[in-house]
N, C-alpha and C. Protein backbone atom coordinates (compact mmCIF):
# COMPACT_ATOMS: atom_id res chain seq x y z
N MET A 1 83.37 6.83 57.15
CA MET A 1 84.26 6.59 58.26
C MET A 1 85.70 6.99 57.90
N GLN A 2 86.11 6.61 56.73
CA GLN A 2 87.45 6.94 56.25
C GLN A 2 87.64 8.46 56.27
N ASP A 3 86.62 9.15 55.83
CA ASP A 3 86.67 10.62 55.78
C ASP A 3 86.81 11.19 57.19
N MET A 4 86.12 10.62 58.15
CA MET A 4 86.17 11.06 59.53
C MET A 4 87.57 10.85 60.11
N ILE A 5 88.17 9.72 59.84
CA ILE A 5 89.53 9.43 60.34
C ILE A 5 90.51 10.39 59.70
N LYS A 6 90.33 10.66 58.42
CA LYS A 6 91.23 11.59 57.73
C LYS A 6 91.11 12.98 58.35
N ARG A 7 89.90 13.42 58.66
CA ARG A 7 89.72 14.73 59.26
C ARG A 7 90.35 14.78 60.67
N ILE A 8 90.22 13.69 61.42
CA ILE A 8 90.84 13.63 62.76
C ILE A 8 92.35 13.69 62.63
N ILE A 9 92.91 12.96 61.70
CA ILE A 9 94.37 12.96 61.48
C ILE A 9 94.82 14.34 61.02
N ASP A 10 94.05 14.94 60.10
CA ASP A 10 94.40 16.29 59.62
C ASP A 10 94.33 17.30 60.77
N ALA A 11 93.30 17.19 61.59
CA ALA A 11 93.16 18.09 62.74
C ALA A 11 94.32 17.88 63.71
N ASP A 12 94.70 16.62 63.93
CA ASP A 12 95.83 16.31 64.80
C ASP A 12 97.12 16.89 64.23
N ASN A 13 97.32 16.74 62.94
CA ASN A 13 98.51 17.28 62.28
C ASN A 13 98.53 18.80 62.36
N GLU A 14 97.37 19.43 62.17
CA GLU A 14 97.29 20.89 62.28
C GLU A 14 97.58 21.33 63.72
N ALA A 15 97.07 20.59 64.67
CA ALA A 15 97.33 20.91 66.07
C ALA A 15 98.81 20.78 66.39
N LYS A 16 99.45 19.71 65.87
CA LYS A 16 100.89 19.53 66.09
C LYS A 16 101.68 20.65 65.42
N ALA A 17 101.26 21.03 64.20
CA ALA A 17 101.94 22.11 63.49
C ALA A 17 101.77 23.43 64.25
N LEU A 18 100.57 23.69 64.75
CA LEU A 18 100.31 24.89 65.53
C LEU A 18 101.11 24.87 66.83
N GLU A 19 101.19 23.71 67.46
CA GLU A 19 101.97 23.57 68.69
C GLU A 19 103.45 23.85 68.41
N GLU A 20 103.96 23.31 67.32
CA GLU A 20 105.36 23.54 66.94
C GLU A 20 105.60 25.02 66.64
N LYS A 21 104.67 25.62 65.94
CA LYS A 21 104.78 27.05 65.61
C LYS A 21 104.80 27.88 66.89
N ASN A 22 103.91 27.55 67.83
CA ASN A 22 103.88 28.26 69.11
C ASN A 22 105.15 28.03 69.92
N ARG A 23 105.68 26.81 69.88
CA ARG A 23 106.93 26.51 70.59
C ARG A 23 108.07 27.33 70.01
N GLN A 24 108.14 27.38 68.67
CA GLN A 24 109.18 28.16 68.02
C GLN A 24 109.01 29.65 68.31
N SER A 25 107.77 30.10 68.31
CA SER A 25 107.50 31.50 68.63
C SER A 25 107.91 31.81 70.06
N ALA A 26 107.62 30.90 70.99
CA ALA A 26 108.01 31.09 72.39
C ALA A 26 109.53 31.14 72.52
N GLU A 27 110.22 30.25 71.79
CA GLU A 27 111.69 30.25 71.83
C GLU A 27 112.24 31.55 71.25
N THR A 28 111.61 31.98 70.15
CA THR A 28 112.05 33.24 69.53
C THR A 28 111.84 34.41 70.50
N GLN A 29 110.70 34.44 71.17
CA GLN A 29 110.43 35.50 72.13
C GLN A 29 111.41 35.43 73.31
N LYS A 30 111.69 34.22 73.77
CA LYS A 30 112.64 34.05 74.87
C LYS A 30 114.01 34.55 74.46
N GLU A 31 114.45 34.19 73.25
CA GLU A 31 115.76 34.66 72.76
C GLU A 31 115.77 36.17 72.61
N LYS A 32 114.66 36.72 72.12
CA LYS A 32 114.56 38.18 71.96
C LYS A 32 114.66 38.87 73.32
N ILE A 33 113.95 38.32 74.30
CA ILE A 33 113.98 38.91 75.65
C ILE A 33 115.40 38.80 76.24
N GLU A 34 116.05 37.66 76.06
CA GLU A 34 117.42 37.49 76.57
C GLU A 34 118.38 38.46 75.88
N ARG A 35 118.22 38.62 74.56
CA ARG A 35 119.08 39.54 73.81
C ARG A 35 118.86 40.97 74.29
N GLN A 36 117.59 41.37 74.42
CA GLN A 36 117.29 42.72 74.89
C GLN A 36 117.79 42.94 76.31
N SER A 37 117.66 41.92 77.13
CA SER A 37 118.15 42.01 78.50
C SER A 37 119.66 42.21 78.52
N ARG A 38 120.37 41.42 77.69
CA ARG A 38 121.83 41.56 77.58
C ARG A 38 122.21 42.95 77.09
N GLU A 39 121.49 43.42 76.07
CA GLU A 39 121.78 44.75 75.52
C GLU A 39 121.55 45.83 76.56
N MET A 40 120.46 45.72 77.31
CA MET A 40 120.18 46.70 78.36
C MET A 40 121.25 46.67 79.43
N TYR A 41 121.67 45.46 79.83
CA TYR A 41 122.71 45.31 80.84
C TYR A 41 124.02 45.93 80.35
N GLU A 42 124.39 45.61 79.11
CA GLU A 42 125.65 46.14 78.56
C GLU A 42 125.60 47.65 78.45
N LYS A 43 124.46 48.18 78.03
CA LYS A 43 124.31 49.64 77.93
C LYS A 43 124.42 50.27 79.32
N TYR A 44 123.72 49.67 80.29
CA TYR A 44 123.77 50.19 81.66
C TYR A 44 125.21 50.17 82.19
N MET A 45 125.89 49.05 81.98
CA MET A 45 127.26 48.93 82.48
C MET A 45 128.18 49.92 81.79
N ALA A 46 128.00 50.13 80.49
CA ALA A 46 128.82 51.11 79.77
C ALA A 46 128.58 52.51 80.33
N GLU A 47 127.32 52.84 80.57
CA GLU A 47 127.01 54.15 81.14
C GLU A 47 127.56 54.27 82.55
N ALA A 48 127.45 53.20 83.32
CA ALA A 48 127.96 53.23 84.69
C ALA A 48 129.48 53.41 84.69
N MET A 49 130.16 52.70 83.79
CA MET A 49 131.62 52.84 83.73
C MET A 49 132.02 54.25 83.30
N GLU A 50 131.27 54.83 82.38
CA GLU A 50 131.54 56.20 81.95
C GLU A 50 131.32 57.17 83.10
N THR A 51 130.25 56.96 83.86
CA THR A 51 129.98 57.80 85.03
C THR A 51 131.11 57.67 86.05
N VAL A 52 131.54 56.46 86.29
CA VAL A 52 132.65 56.24 87.23
C VAL A 52 133.91 56.93 86.73
N ARG A 53 134.18 56.82 85.43
CA ARG A 53 135.37 57.46 84.86
C ARG A 53 135.30 58.97 85.04
N LYS A 54 134.13 59.55 84.74
CA LYS A 54 133.97 60.99 84.90
C LYS A 54 134.10 61.39 86.36
N ASN A 55 133.48 60.61 87.26
CA ASN A 55 133.57 60.92 88.69
C ASN A 55 135.01 60.81 89.18
N ASP A 56 135.72 59.79 88.70
CA ASP A 56 137.12 59.64 89.09
C ASP A 56 137.92 60.86 88.67
N ALA A 57 137.70 61.29 87.43
CA ALA A 57 138.43 62.47 86.93
C ALA A 57 138.08 63.69 87.75
N HIS A 58 136.79 63.87 88.05
CA HIS A 58 136.36 65.02 88.84
C HIS A 58 136.94 64.96 90.26
N GLU A 59 136.89 63.79 90.87
CA GLU A 59 137.44 63.64 92.22
C GLU A 59 138.95 63.84 92.22
N GLU A 60 139.60 63.38 91.17
CA GLU A 60 141.05 63.58 91.07
C GLU A 60 141.37 65.07 90.98
N MET A 61 140.57 65.81 90.22
CA MET A 61 140.79 67.26 90.12
C MET A 61 140.54 67.92 91.48
N GLN A 62 139.49 67.50 92.18
CA GLN A 62 139.20 68.08 93.50
C GLN A 62 140.33 67.75 94.48
N PHE A 63 140.81 66.52 94.44
CA PHE A 63 141.91 66.12 95.32
C PHE A 63 143.16 66.95 95.01
N GLU A 64 143.46 67.10 93.72
CA GLU A 64 144.66 67.87 93.33
C GLU A 64 144.55 69.31 93.81
N LYS A 65 143.36 69.90 93.66
CA LYS A 65 143.17 71.28 94.12
C LYS A 65 143.32 71.36 95.63
N ALA A 66 142.70 70.42 96.36
CA ALA A 66 142.82 70.42 97.82
C ALA A 66 144.28 70.25 98.23
N TRP A 67 144.99 69.35 97.54
CA TRP A 67 146.40 69.14 97.86
C TRP A 67 147.22 70.40 97.60
N GLN A 68 146.93 71.08 96.52
CA GLN A 68 147.64 72.33 96.22
C GLN A 68 147.34 73.39 97.27
N ASP A 69 146.07 73.43 97.73
CA ASP A 69 145.72 74.38 98.79
C ASP A 69 146.50 74.08 100.07
N VAL A 70 146.57 72.80 100.44
CA VAL A 70 147.31 72.41 101.65
C VAL A 70 148.79 72.74 101.47
N ALA A 71 149.34 72.41 100.32
CA ALA A 71 150.76 72.68 100.07
C ALA A 71 151.02 74.19 100.13
N ALA A 72 150.13 74.99 99.59
CA ALA A 72 150.30 76.45 99.63
C ALA A 72 150.25 76.97 101.07
N ARG A 73 149.30 76.44 101.88
CA ARG A 73 149.22 76.86 103.29
C ARG A 73 150.47 76.45 104.05
N GLN A 74 150.96 75.25 103.80
CA GLN A 74 152.18 74.79 104.47
C GLN A 74 153.37 75.64 104.06
N HIS A 75 153.45 75.98 102.80
CA HIS A 75 154.55 76.80 102.32
C HIS A 75 154.48 78.19 102.97
N SER A 76 153.27 78.75 103.04
CA SER A 76 153.10 80.06 103.68
C SER A 76 153.50 79.99 105.16
N ALA A 77 153.07 78.93 105.83
CA ALA A 77 153.42 78.78 107.25
C ALA A 77 154.93 78.64 107.42
N MET A 78 155.58 77.89 106.52
CA MET A 78 157.02 77.72 106.60
C MET A 78 157.73 79.06 106.39
N ILE A 79 157.29 79.84 105.43
CA ILE A 79 157.90 81.16 105.19
C ILE A 79 157.73 82.05 106.41
N LYS A 80 156.52 82.03 107.01
CA LYS A 80 156.27 82.85 108.19
C LYS A 80 157.16 82.40 109.35
N LEU A 81 157.27 81.07 109.56
CA LEU A 81 158.12 80.58 110.65
C LEU A 81 159.58 80.97 110.43
N ARG A 82 160.04 80.85 109.22
CA ARG A 82 161.45 81.25 108.93
C ARG A 82 161.65 82.74 109.16
N ALA A 83 160.66 83.53 108.75
CA ALA A 83 160.78 84.99 108.96
C ALA A 83 160.76 85.30 110.45
N ASP A 84 159.87 84.65 111.19
CA ASP A 84 159.83 84.86 112.64
C ASP A 84 161.16 84.46 113.26
N TYR A 85 161.71 83.35 112.82
CA TYR A 85 162.99 82.90 113.36
C TYR A 85 164.09 83.92 113.04
N GLN A 86 164.14 84.38 111.80
CA GLN A 86 165.16 85.34 111.42
C GLN A 86 165.03 86.64 112.22
N ASN A 87 163.80 87.05 112.43
CA ASN A 87 163.56 88.33 113.13
C ASN A 87 163.73 88.21 114.63
N ASN A 88 163.52 87.04 115.19
CA ASN A 88 163.47 86.93 116.65
C ASN A 88 164.52 86.01 117.26
N ARG A 89 165.38 85.39 116.47
CA ARG A 89 166.28 84.39 117.03
C ARG A 89 167.19 84.96 118.11
N ASP A 90 167.75 86.15 117.88
CA ASP A 90 168.65 86.72 118.89
C ASP A 90 167.89 87.01 120.19
N ARG A 91 166.69 87.55 120.08
CA ARG A 91 165.89 87.85 121.27
C ARG A 91 165.52 86.56 121.98
N TRP A 92 165.14 85.51 121.19
CA TRP A 92 164.76 84.24 121.79
C TRP A 92 165.94 83.59 122.52
N VAL A 93 167.12 83.65 121.89
CA VAL A 93 168.31 83.08 122.53
C VAL A 93 168.59 83.83 123.83
N ASP A 94 168.55 85.15 123.77
CA ASP A 94 168.79 85.95 124.98
C ASP A 94 167.77 85.62 126.07
N GLU A 95 166.52 85.46 125.69
CA GLU A 95 165.45 85.14 126.65
C GLU A 95 165.69 83.77 127.27
N ILE A 96 166.06 82.77 126.46
CA ILE A 96 166.32 81.42 126.99
C ILE A 96 167.51 81.45 127.94
N VAL A 97 168.58 82.12 127.53
CA VAL A 97 169.77 82.21 128.39
C VAL A 97 169.42 82.92 129.69
N SER A 98 168.68 83.98 129.59
CA SER A 98 168.29 84.74 130.78
C SER A 98 167.49 83.88 131.75
N ARG A 99 166.55 83.12 131.23
CA ARG A 99 165.72 82.27 132.10
C ARG A 99 166.54 81.15 132.73
N VAL A 100 167.48 80.60 131.97
CA VAL A 100 168.31 79.53 132.52
C VAL A 100 169.20 80.08 133.62
N ILE A 101 169.75 81.26 133.40
CA ILE A 101 170.63 81.87 134.40
C ILE A 101 169.84 82.21 135.66
N GLU A 102 168.63 82.73 135.52
CA GLU A 102 167.80 83.08 136.67
C GLU A 102 167.50 81.86 137.53
N ARG A 103 167.31 80.71 136.93
CA ARG A 103 166.98 79.50 137.66
C ARG A 103 168.21 78.90 138.33
N ALA A 104 169.33 79.21 137.81
CA ALA A 104 170.55 78.59 138.34
C ALA A 104 170.99 79.18 139.62
C-alpha cells in the first residue's frame, strides 16, 4: 500500500512538474510571438516611413518642376504682353481716342 501511495504521489509530482514545464513553455512561446510581432511591426513602420520619406522627396521634386514650368510660362506671357504693349501702345491709344471721339 505504501508503495502504491508513493507511486501516486510521484505521478502527481511528475504531472505538476510537466504542467509547470508546459506553462513555462506556453509563456515562452507567448513572449516569443509578442517579440516577433513587435519586431515585424517596427520593421513595417520603418519601411513605411522610408517609403513616405522617398515619396515626399519625389513629390517635392515634381512640385518644384511644375512650379518652375508655371513660372516660366508666366514669365514668357509677361514678356509677350510687354512686347505687345511696347509695339502697339501708340496704335491702341489712337484707337481708344478715336472711338471715344466718335461716340461723343
